[in-house]
Amino acid sequence: MSFEIKKTGVAGAGAMGAGIAQVFAQANLDVVLFDLNIAQLEKAKTEIEKNLAFAVSKSKISEADKTAALSRIVFSADINSLKADLIIEAIVEKLEAKRELFQNLAEINSAETILATNTSSIPVTRIAKDISNPQRVVGMHFFNPAHLMKLVEVISGVETSAEVAETIKQLSITIGKTPIMCKDSPGFIVNRVARHYYVESLKMLEEKVATTETIDALMESAGFKMGPFKLMDHVGNDINFAVTSSLFESFHHDAKFRPSRIQQQKVDAGHLGKKTGKGFYDYL
């Protein structure tokens, strides 16, 4: 199998998908950013343009670099346009949705197309189940915001080939990221370790030990760049809650991963954080 990556695809034009597409484009790779929601594609385009303009203003890139990067991105609501050497999904954190997407992509792409998942918590082996040529399914987990954060987890499922994992590792280096190689397990490394930063903070809030402001201030004074509640608002309470729920399920309802009822209420009320103007804090 040949693993030369020239054209890339990203499924899902949310914050992560848009950021990943921008990273690929800035690394001189052609990319198709796909989403069924046309409004979301327009929002992603605006956000990418904003990020690149900010980089120009800070003299990180030139105006010509910005124009070139934008020219490499095709925004599409047609899944049939999503044909590439590497396709990474950044859709909702639900196993069946990811499986269905990969099955559809496998049908319209070459058997050599690498299918990568940006999942935060779902084992790659589960996603690869029943996908044709499961050896080409791999985890490539970016962190938010993808265009700024350097770390990328490269996760090998049970059937992921060593060659595919190495290709993703080398690609990560090429696009300016720092890859770490992980074995397949719920939450991998970062989210498994970091989950309790959120969960324990939420438990303290539930038990009225301290306020969100106090907990955030204490954690920031201890050296964390952002307190847990500010970080949850930044990531999105819906996304954070979904990852915690996924880990809770994967660890057979181990109490230490129990999702918070307070965060559940935030999600139910649509208080998702910065993207909705209200979360644990107000942003309006």
C-alpha atoms as a PDB file:
ATOM      1  CA  MET A   1       0.000   0.000   0.000  1.00  0.00           C
ATOM      2  CA  SER A   2       1.137   3.557  -0.764  1.00  0.00           C
ATOM      3  CA  PHE A   3       0.648   6.203   1.914  1.00  0.00           C
ATOM      4  CA  GLU A   4       1.784   9.414   0.252  1.00  0.00           C
ATOM      5  CA  ILE A   5      -0.533  12.149   1.510  1.00  0.00           C
ATOM      6  CA  LYS A   6      -1.268  14.924  -0.987  1.00  0.00           C
ATOM      7  CA  LYS A   7      -5.004  15.483  -0.675  1.00  0.00           C
ATOM      8  CA  THR A   8      -6.864  15.478   2.607  1.00  0.00           C
ATOM      9  CA  GLY A   9     -10.484  15.571   3.667  1.00  0.00           C
ATOM     10  CA  VAL A  10     -12.158  16.635   6.900  1.00  0.00           C
ATOM     11  CA  ALA A  11     -15.680  15.527   7.808  1.00  0.00           C
ATOM     12  CA  GLY A  12     -17.379  17.924  10.186  1.00  0.00           C
ATOM     13  CA  ALA A  13     -17.016  21.708  10.008  1.00  0.00           C
ATOM     14  CA  GLY A  14     -17.314  22.474  13.695  1.00  0.00           C
ATOM     15  CA  ALA A  15     -14.540  24.157  15.663  1.00  0.00           C
ATOM     16  CA  MET A  16     -12.265  21.108  15.516  1.00  0.00           C
ATOM     17  CA  GLY A  17     -12.915  20.267  11.876  1.00  0.00           C
ATOM     18  CA  ALA A  18     -12.362  23.848  10.749  1.00  0.00           C
ATOM     19  CA  GLY A  19      -9.151  24.042  12.747  1.00  0.00           C
ATOM     20  CA  ILE A  20      -7.826  20.798  11.293  1.00  0.00           C
ATOM     21  CA  ALA A  21      -8.661  21.922   7.757  1.00  0.00           C
ATOM     22  CA  GLN A  22      -6.776  25.159   8.383  1.00  0.00           C
ATOM     23  CA  VAL A  23      -3.740  23.242   9.660  1.00  0.00           C
ATOM     24  CA  PHE A  24      -3.667  21.024   6.572  1.00  0.00           C
ATOM     25  CA  ALA A  25      -4.074  23.984   4.222  1.00  0.00           C
ATOM     26  CA  GLN A  26      -1.267  25.915   5.889  1.00  0.00           C
ATOM     27  CA  ALA A  27       0.954  22.854   5.427  1.00  0.00           C
ATOM     28  CA  ASN A  28       0.453  23.056   1.635  1.00  0.00           C
ATOM     29  CA  LEU A  29      -2.060  20.205   1.527  1.00  0.00           C
ATOM     30  CA  ASP A  30      -5.258  20.392  -0.504  1.00  0.00           C
ATOM     31  CA  VAL A  31      -8.278  19.789   1.722  1.00  0.00           C
ATOM     32  CA  VAL A  32     -12.007  19.275   1.314  1.00  0.00           C
ATOM     33  CA  LEU A  33     -13.980  20.393   4.375  1.00  0.00           C
ATOM     34  CA  PHE A  34     -17.328  18.584   4.369  1.00  0.00           C
ATOM     35  CA  ASP A  35     -20.458  19.195   6.380  1.00  0.00           C
ATOM     36  CA  LEU A  36     -24.118  18.612   5.550  1.00  0.00           C
ATOM     37  CA  ASN A  37     -24.966  21.917   7.238  1.00  0.00           C
ATOM     38  CA  ILE A  38     -24.252  24.726   4.767  1.00  0.00           C
ATOM     39  CA  ALA A  39     -24.568  27.360   7.484  1.00  0.00           C
ATOM     40  CA  GLN A  40     -21.900  25.524   9.470  1.00  0.00           C
ATOM     41  CA  LEU A  41     -19.615  25.521   6.445  1.00  0.00           C
ATOM     42  CA  GLU A  42     -20.043  29.287   6.114  1.00  0.00           C
ATOM     43  CA  LYS A  43     -19.284  29.708   9.804  1.00  0.00           C
ATOM     44  CA  ALA A  44     -16.168  27.538   9.426  1.00  0.00           C
ATOM     45  CA  LYS A  45     -14.975  29.603   6.466  1.00  0.00           C
ATOM     46  CA  THR A  46     -15.424  32.810   8.430  1.00  0.00           C
ATOM     47  CA  GLU A  47     -13.552  31.383  11.408  1.00  0.00           C
ATOM     48  CA  ILE A  48     -10.637  30.164   9.285  1.00  0.00           C
ATOM     49  CA  GLU A  49     -10.382  33.546   7.570  1.00  0.00           C
ATOM     50  CA  LYS A  50     -10.435  35.237  10.987  1.00  0.00           C
ATOM     51  CA  ASN A  51      -7.678  32.956  12.330  1.00  0.00           C
ATOM     52  CA  LEU A  52      -5.474  33.535   9.297  1.00  0.00           C
ATOM     53  CA  ALA A  53      -6.046  37.287   9.393  1.00  0.00           C
ATOM     54  CA  PHE A  54      -5.016  37.322  13.047  1.00  0.00           C
ATOM     55  CA  ALA A  55      -1.848  35.385  12.173  1.00  0.00           C
ATOM     56  CA  VAL A  56      -1.069  37.997   9.512  1.00  0.00           C
ATOM     57  CA  SER A  57      -1.614  40.806  12.029  1.00  0.00           C
ATOM     58  CA  LYS A  58       0.885  39.149  14.360  1.00  0.00           C
ATOM     59  CA  SER A  59       3.394  38.662  11.510  1.00  0.00           C
ATOM     60  CA  LYS A  60       3.165  34.886  11.915  1.00  0.00           C
ATOM     61  CA  ILE A  61       2.326  34.482   8.219  1.00  0.00           C
ATOM     62  CA  SER A  62       2.221  36.782   5.201  1.00  0.00           C
ATOM     63  CA  GLU A  63      -0.852  37.988   3.320  1.00  0.00           C
ATOM     64  CA  ALA A  64       0.267  35.719   0.452  1.00  0.00           C
ATOM     65  CA  ASP A  65       0.393  32.736   2.861  1.00  0.00           C
ATOM     66  CA  LYS A  66      -3.149  33.510   3.975  1.00  0.00           C
ATOM     67  CA  THR A  67      -4.442  33.693   0.394  1.00  0.00           C
ATOM     68  CA  ALA A  68      -2.644  30.482  -0.555  1.00  0.00           C
ATOM     69  CA  ALA A  69      -4.015  28.581   2.446  1.00  0.00           C
ATOM     70  CA  LEU A  70      -7.596  29.653   1.720  1.00  0.00           C
ATOM     71  CA  SER A  71      -7.204  28.644  -1.926  1.00  0.00           C
ATOM     72  CA  ARG A  72      -6.381  25.079  -0.861  1.00  0.00           C
ATOM     73  CA  ILE A  73      -9.674  24.568   1.023  1.00  0.00           C
ATOM     74  CA  VAL A  74     -12.829  23.420  -0.742  1.00  0.00           C
ATOM     75  CA  PHE A  75     -16.002  23.768   1.336  1.00  0.00           C
ATOM     76  CA  SER A  76     -18.570  21.145   0.385  1.00  0.00           C
ATOM     77  CA  ALA A  77     -21.931  19.766   1.519  1.00  0.00           C
ATOM     78  CA  ASP A  78     -21.649  16.825  -0.910  1.00  0.00           C
ATOM     79  CA  ILE A  79     -20.137  13.714   0.652  1.00  0.00           C
ATOM     80  CA  ASN A  80     -19.172  12.466  -2.814  1.00  0.00           C
ATOM     81  CA  SER A  81     -16.605  15.261  -2.961  1.00  0.00           C
ATOM     82  CA  LEU A  82     -14.885  13.798   0.084  1.00  0.00           C
ATOM     83  CA  LYS A  83     -12.305  11.735  -1.783  1.00  0.00           C
ATOM     84  CA  ALA A  84      -8.697  11.937  -0.618  1.00  0.00           C
ATOM     85  CA  ASP A  85      -5.550  10.139   0.485  1.00  0.00           C
ATOM     86  CA  LEU A  86      -6.440  10.854   4.115  1.00  0.00           C
ATOM     87  CA  ILE A  87      -9.848  11.692   5.558  1.00  0.00           C
ATOM     88  CA  ILE A  88     -10.250  12.639   9.193  1.00  0.00           C
ATOM     89  CA  GLU A  89     -13.637  12.774  10.865  1.00  0.00           C
ATOM     90  CA  ALA A  90     -14.435  15.411  13.473  1.00  0.00           C
ATOM     91  CA  ILE A  91     -18.145  14.781  13.913  1.00  0.00           C
ATOM     92  CA  VAL A  92     -20.353  14.158  16.946  1.00  0.00           C
ATOM     93  CA  GLU A  93     -18.835  11.902  19.637  1.00  0.00           C
ATOM     94  CA  LYS A  94     -21.159   8.975  18.936  1.00  0.00           C
ATOM     95  CA  LEU A  95     -19.887   5.551  17.914  1.00  0.00           C
ATOM     96  CA  GLU A  96     -22.607   4.669  15.409  1.00  0.00           C
ATOM     97  CA  ALA A  97     -22.386   8.047  13.670  1.00  0.00           C
ATOM     98  CA  LYS A  98     -18.644   7.588  13.165  1.00  0.00           C
ATOM     99  CA  ARG A  99     -19.042   4.009  11.943  1.00  0.00           C
ATOM    100  CA  GLU A 100     -21.747   4.996   9.469  1.00  0.00           C
ATOM    101  CA  LEU A 101     -19.628   7.843   8.131  1.00  0.00           C
ATOM    102  CA  PHE A 102     -16.576   5.620   7.640  1.00  0.00           C
ATOM    103  CA  GLN A 103     -18.660   2.965   5.919  1.00  0.00           C
ATOM    104  CA  ASN A 104     -19.930   5.595   3.470  1.00  0.00           C
ATOM    105  CA  LEU A 105     -16.442   6.985   2.922  1.00  0.00           C
ATOM    106  CA  ALA A 106     -15.008   3.500   2.365  1.00  0.00           C
ATOM    107  CA  GLU A 107     -17.503   2.970  -0.461  1.00  0.00           C
ATOM    108  CA  ILE A 108     -16.515   6.095  -2.406  1.00  0.00           C
ATOM    109  CA  ASN A 109     -12.772   6.063  -1.744  1.00  0.00           C
ATOM    110  CA  SER A 110      -9.821   3.892  -2.663  1.00  0.00           C
ATOM    111  CA  ALA A 111      -9.014   0.903  -0.453  1.00  0.00           C
ATOM    112  CA  GLU A 112      -5.766   2.728   0.334  1.00  0.00           C
ATOM    113  CA  THR A 113      -7.437   5.878   1.683  1.00  0.00           C
ATOM    114  CA  ILE A 114      -6.529   6.306   5.339  1.00  0.00           C
ATOM    115  CA  LEU A 115      -9.566   6.885   7.538  1.00  0.00           C
ATOM    116  CA  ALA A 116      -8.612   8.772  10.687  1.00  0.00           C
ATOM    117  CA  THR A 117     -10.798   9.617  13.653  1.00  0.00           C
ATOM    118  CA  ASN A 118     -10.446  12.686  15.844  1.00  0.00           C
ATOM    119  CA  THR A 119     -12.416  10.982  18.614  1.00  0.00           C
ATOM    120  CA  SER A 120     -11.599  12.114  22.143  1.00  0.00           C
ATOM    121  CA  SER A 121     -12.651   8.947  23.913  1.00  0.00           C
ATOM    122  CA  ILE A 122     -14.090   6.138  21.748  1.00  0.00           C
ATOM    123  CA  PRO A 123     -11.672   3.236  21.156  1.00  0.00           C
ATOM    124  CA  VAL A 124     -10.451   3.172  17.549  1.00  0.00           C
ATOM    125  CA  THR A 125     -10.999  -0.600  17.432  1.00  0.00           C
ATOM    126  CA  ARG A 126     -14.737  -0.083  17.953  1.00  0.00           C
ATOM    127  CA  ILE A 127     -14.917   2.522  15.204  1.00  0.00           C
ATOM    128  CA  ALA A 128     -12.982   0.293  12.777  1.00  0.00           C
ATOM    129  CA  LYS A 129     -15.276  -2.716  13.339  1.00  0.00           C
ATOM    130  CA  ASP A 130     -16.974  -3.808  10.087  1.00  0.00           C
ATOM    131  CA  ILE A 131     -15.138  -1.138   8.039  1.00  0.00           C
ATOM    132  CA  SER A 132     -13.482  -2.591   4.937  1.00  0.00           C
ATOM    133  CA  ASN A 133      -9.681  -2.744   5.270  1.00  0.00           C
ATOM    134  CA  PRO A 134      -9.728  -1.886   8.999  1.00  0.00           C
ATOM    135  CA  GLN A 135      -5.925  -1.742   8.989  1.00  0.00           C
ATOM    136  CA  ARG A 136      -6.205   1.756   7.474  1.00  0.00           C
ATOM    137  CA  VAL A 137      -8.372   3.111  10.330  1.00  0.00           C
ATOM    138  CA  VAL A 138      -6.350   5.108  12.857  1.00  0.00           C
ATOM    139  CA  GLY A 139      -6.811   7.735  15.541  1.00  0.00           C
ATOM    140  CA  MET A 140      -5.457  11.238  14.891  1.00  0.00           C
ATOM    141  CA  HIS A 141      -6.633  13.242  17.871  1.00  0.00           C
ATOM    142  CA  PHE A 142      -6.022  16.991  17.752  1.00  0.00           C
ATOM    143  CA  PHE A 143      -6.648  19.363  20.652  1.00  0.00           C
ATOM    144  CA  ASN A 144      -8.715  22.527  20.746  1.00  0.00           C
ATOM    145  CA  PRO A 145      -7.913  24.944  19.151  1.00  0.00           C
ATOM    146  CA  ALA A 146      -6.376  22.672  16.533  1.00  0.00           C
ATOM    147  CA  HIS A 147      -4.559  25.448  14.674  1.00  0.00           C
ATOM    148  CA  LEU A 148      -2.671  26.431  17.852  1.00  0.00           C
ATOM    149  CA  MET A 149      -2.283  23.339  20.029  1.00  0.00           C
ATOM    150  CA  LYS A 150       0.812  21.307  19.170  1.00  0.00           C
ATOM    151  CA  LEU A 151      -0.100  17.887  20.542  1.00  0.00           C
ATOM    152  CA  VAL A 152      -1.599  15.116  18.398  1.00  0.00           C
ATOM    153  CA  GLU A 153      -2.362  11.644  19.755  1.00  0.00           C
ATOM    154  CA  VAL A 154      -1.790   8.909  17.150  1.00  0.00           C
ATOM    155  CA  ILE A 155      -3.822   5.891  18.222  1.00  0.00           C
ATOM    156  CA  SER A 156      -3.501   2.394  16.812  1.00  0.00           C
ATOM    157  CA  GLY A 157      -6.524   0.125  17.010  1.00  0.00           C
ATOM    158  CA  VAL A 158      -6.125  -3.639  17.181  1.00  0.00           C
ATOM    159  CA  GLU A 159      -5.993  -3.893  13.382  1.00  0.00           C
ATOM    160  CA  THR A 160      -4.304  -0.581  12.521  1.00  0.00           C
ATOM    161  CA  SER A 161      -1.178  -1.303  10.486  1.00  0.00           C
ATOM    162  CA  ALA A 162       2.171  -0.071  11.742  1.00  0.00           C
ATOM    163  CA  GLU A 163       2.707   1.632   8.371  1.00  0.00           C
ATOM    164  CA  VAL A 164      -0.501   3.661   8.680  1.00  0.00           C
ATOM    165  CA  ALA A 165       0.329   4.745  12.229  1.00  0.00           C
ATOM    166  CA  GLU A 166       3.827   5.772  11.146  1.00  0.00           C
ATOM    167  CA  THR A 167       2.398   7.721   8.202  1.00  0.00           C
ATOM    168  CA  ILE A 168       0.143   9.704  10.548  1.00  0.00           C
ATOM    169  CA  LYS A 169       3.048  10.289  12.916  1.00  0.00           C
ATOM    170  CA  GLN A 170       5.225  11.667  10.117  1.00  0.00           C
ATOM    171  CA  LEU A 171       2.347  13.741   8.726  1.00  0.00           C
ATOM    172  CA  SER A 172       1.810  15.248  12.182  1.00  0.00           C
ATOM    173  CA  ILE A 173       5.444  16.330  12.260  1.00  0.00           C
ATOM    174  CA  THR A 174       5.165  17.732   8.728  1.00  0.00           C
ATOM    175  CA  ILE A 175       2.203  19.927   9.683  1.00  0.00           C
ATOM    176  CA  GLY A 176       4.073  21.277  12.706  1.00  0.00           C
ATOM    177  CA  LYS A 177       2.553  19.127  15.435  1.00  0.00           C
ATOM    178  CA  THR A 178       4.072  16.966  18.168  1.00  0.00           C
ATOM    179  CA  PRO A 179       2.743  13.399  17.839  1.00  0.00           C
ATOM    180  CA  ILE A 180       2.590  10.873  20.662  1.00  0.00           C
ATOM    181  CA  MET A 181       1.916   7.223  19.884  1.00  0.00           C
ATOM    182  CA  CYS A 182      -0.864   5.635  21.941  1.00  0.00           C
ATOM    183  CA  LYS A 183      -2.346   2.195  22.314  1.00  0.00           C
ATOM    184  CA  ASP A 184      -6.109   1.926  22.026  1.00  0.00           C
ATOM    185  CA  SER A 185      -8.003   2.517  25.274  1.00  0.00           C
ATOM    186  CA  PRO A 186     -10.919   4.713  26.372  1.00  0.00           C
ATOM    187  CA  GLY A 187      -9.779   8.334  26.499  1.00  0.00           C
ATOM    188  CA  PHE A 188      -6.287   7.367  25.311  1.00  0.00           C
ATOM    189  CA  ILE A 189      -3.750   9.378  27.348  1.00  0.00           C
ATOM    190  CA  VAL A 190      -4.795  13.013  27.610  1.00  0.00           C
ATOM    191  CA  ASN A 191      -8.541  12.694  28.107  1.00  0.00           C
ATOM    192  CA  ARG A 192      -8.180   9.811  30.529  1.00  0.00           C
ATOM    193  CA  VAL A 193      -5.780  11.838  32.678  1.00  0.00           C
ATOM    194  CA  ALA A 194      -7.548  15.175  32.234  1.00  0.00           C
ATOM    195  CA  ARG A 195     -11.101  13.905  32.750  1.00  0.00           C
ATOM    196  CA  HIS A 196     -10.835  14.248  36.507  1.00  0.00           C
ATOM    197  CA  TYR A 197      -9.808  17.866  36.168  1.00  0.00           C
ATOM    198  CA  TYR A 198     -13.409  18.373  35.057  1.00  0.00           C
ATOM    199  CA  VAL A 199     -15.229  15.626  36.950  1.00  0.00           C
ATOM    200  CA  GLU A 200     -13.767  16.377  40.391  1.00  0.00           C
ATOM    201  CA  SER A 201     -14.352  20.098  39.932  1.00  0.00           C
ATOM    202  CA  LEU A 202     -17.975  19.430  39.041  1.00  0.00           C
ATOM    203  CA  LYS A 203     -18.344  17.171  42.090  1.00  0.00           C
ATOM    204  CA  MET A 204     -17.055  19.985  44.302  1.00  0.00           C
ATOM    205  CA  LEU A 205     -19.619  22.312  42.718  1.00  0.00           C
ATOM    206  CA  GLU A 206     -22.408  19.763  43.272  1.00  0.00           C
ATOM    207  CA  GLU A 207     -21.397  19.403  46.920  1.00  0.00           C
ATOM    208  CA  LYS A 208     -21.201  23.203  47.332  1.00  0.00           C
ATOM    209  CA  VAL A 209     -17.566  22.992  48.433  1.00  0.00           C
ATOM    210  CA  ALA A 210     -16.746  26.115  46.414  1.00  0.00           C
ATOM    211  CA  THR A 211     -18.009  28.283  43.559  1.00  0.00           C
ATOM    212  CA  THR A 212     -16.943  28.003  39.937  1.00  0.00           C
ATOM    213  CA  GLU A 213     -14.983  31.236  40.289  1.00  0.00           C
ATOM    214  CA  THR A 214     -13.120  29.995  43.378  1.00  0.00           C
ATOM    215  CA  ILE A 215     -12.265  26.606  41.870  1.00  0.00           C
ATOM    216  CA  ASP A 216     -11.045  28.236  38.656  1.00  0.00           C
ATOM    217  CA  ALA A 217      -8.970  30.786  40.578  1.00  0.00           C
ATOM    218  CA  LEU A 218      -7.365  28.075  42.714  1.00  0.00           C
ATOM    219  CA  MET A 219      -6.444  25.906  39.732  1.00  0.00           C
ATOM    220  CA  GLU A 220      -5.059  28.865  37.799  1.00  0.00           C
ATOM    221  CA  SER A 221      -2.991  29.930  40.835  1.00  0.00           C
ATOM    222  CA  ALA A 222      -1.597  26.380  40.877  1.00  0.00           C
ATOM    223  CA  GLY A 223      -0.251  26.868  37.357  1.00  0.00           C
ATOM    224  CA  PHE A 224      -3.075  25.778  35.054  1.00  0.00           C
ATOM    225  CA  LYS A 225      -3.548  28.195  32.166  1.00  0.00           C
ATOM    226  CA  MET A 226      -7.332  27.936  32.419  1.00  0.00           C
ATOM    227  CA  GLY A 227      -9.585  26.817  35.255  1.00  0.00           C
ATOM    228  CA  PRO A 228     -11.829  23.762  34.673  1.00  0.00           C
ATOM    229  CA  PHE A 229     -15.084  25.705  34.268  1.00  0.00           C
ATOM    230  CA  LYS A 230     -13.556  28.255  31.911  1.00  0.00           C
ATOM    231  CA  LEU A 231     -12.071  25.363  29.944  1.00  0.00           C
ATOM    232  CA  MET A 232     -15.392  23.511  29.761  1.00  0.00           C
ATOM    233  CA  ASP A 233     -17.030  26.672  28.446  1.00  0.00           C
ATOM    234  CA  HIS A 234     -14.227  27.035  25.902  1.00  0.00           C
ATOM    235  CA  VAL A 235     -14.459  23.433  24.664  1.00  0.00           C
ATOM    236  CA  GLY A 236     -18.261  23.382  24.819  1.00  0.00           C
ATOM    237  CA  ASN A 237     -20.288  21.770  27.580  1.00  0.00           C
ATOM    238  CA  ASP A 238     -22.019  19.515  25.070  1.00  0.00           C
ATOM    239  CA  ILE A 239     -18.705  18.142  23.824  1.00  0.00           C
ATOM    240  CA  ASN A 240     -17.205  17.848  27.303  1.00  0.00           C
ATOM    241  CA  PHE A 241     -20.311  16.080  28.626  1.00  0.00           C
ATOM    242  CA  ALA A 242     -20.352  13.681  25.667  1.00  0.00           C
ATOM    243  CA  VAL A 243     -16.711  12.693  26.241  1.00  0.00           C
ATOM    244  CA  THR A 244     -17.301  12.122  29.962  1.00  0.00           C
ATOM    245  CA  SER A 245     -20.397  10.047  29.169  1.00  0.00           C
ATOM    246  CA  SER A 246     -18.427   8.004  26.650  1.00  0.00           C
ATOM    247  CA  LEU A 247     -15.679   7.262  29.160  1.00  0.00           C
ATOM    248  CA  PHE A 248     -18.258   6.424  31.848  1.00  0.00           C
ATOM    249  CA  GLU A 249     -19.780   3.866  29.475  1.00  0.00           C
ATOM    250  CA  SER A 250     -16.412   2.496  28.328  1.00  0.00           C
ATOM    251  CA  PHE A 251     -15.247   1.975  31.907  1.00  0.00           C
ATOM    252  CA  HIS A 252     -18.463   0.082  32.738  1.00  0.00           C
ATOM    253  CA  HIS A 253     -19.955   2.884  34.829  1.00  0.00           C
ATOM    254  CA  ASP A 254     -16.965   3.312  37.101  1.00  0.00           C
ATOM    255  CA  ALA A 255     -18.092   5.989  39.580  1.00  0.00           C
ATOM    256  CA  LYS A 256     -14.969   8.092  39.139  1.00  0.00           C
ATOM    257  CA  PHE A 257     -16.091   8.886  35.566  1.00  0.00           C
ATOM    258  CA  ARG A 258     -19.729   9.681  36.449  1.00  0.00           C
ATOM    259  CA  PRO A 259     -21.066  12.594  34.359  1.00  0.00           C
ATOM    260  CA  SER A 260     -22.269  15.594  36.315  1.00  0.00           C
ATOM    261  CA  ARG A 261     -25.962  16.392  36.720  1.00  0.00           C
ATOM    262  CA  ILE A 262     -25.066  20.084  36.761  1.00  0.00           C
ATOM    263  CA  GLN A 263     -23.340  19.830  33.389  1.00  0.00           C
ATOM    264  CA  GLN A 264     -26.262  17.777  32.067  1.00  0.00           C
ATOM    265  CA  GLN A 265     -28.561  20.679  32.985  1.00  0.00           C
ATOM    266  CA  LYS A 266     -26.280  23.124  31.191  1.00  0.00           C
ATOM    267  CA  VAL A 267     -26.474  21.010  28.044  1.00  0.00           C
ATOM    268  CA  ASP A 268     -30.256  20.579  28.334  1.00  0.00           C
ATOM    269  CA  ALA A 269     -30.663  24.362  28.700  1.00  0.00           C
ATOM    270  CA  GLY A 270     -28.424  25.061  25.717  1.00  0.00           C
ATOM    271  CA  HIS A 271     -25.848  26.787  27.916  1.00  0.00           C
ATOM    272  CA  LEU A 272     -22.900  25.306  26.053  1.00  0.00           C
ATOM    273  CA  GLY A 273     -20.316  27.968  26.792  1.00  0.00           C
ATOM    274  CA  LYS A 274     -18.668  30.599  24.631  1.00  0.00           C
ATOM    275  CA  LYS A 275     -20.298  29.386  21.418  1.00  0.00           C
ATOM    276  CA  THR A 276     -23.792  30.070  22.783  1.00  0.00           C
ATOM    277  CA  GLY A 277     -22.893  33.100  24.915  1.00  0.00           C
ATOM    278  CA  LYS A 278     -23.691  31.343  28.184  1.00  0.00           C
ATOM    279  CA  GLY A 279     -22.252  28.412  30.106  1.00  0.00           C
ATOM    280  CA  PHE A 280     -20.813  28.392  33.589  1.00  0.00           C
ATOM    281  CA  TYR A 281     -20.085  32.040  32.805  1.00  0.00           C
ATOM    282  CA  ASP A 282     -21.899  34.650  30.707  1.00  0.00           C
ATOM    283  CA  TYR A 283     -20.248  35.821  27.462  1.00  0.00           C
ATOM    284  CA  LEU A 284     -22.961  38.086  26.034  1.00  0.00           C
END
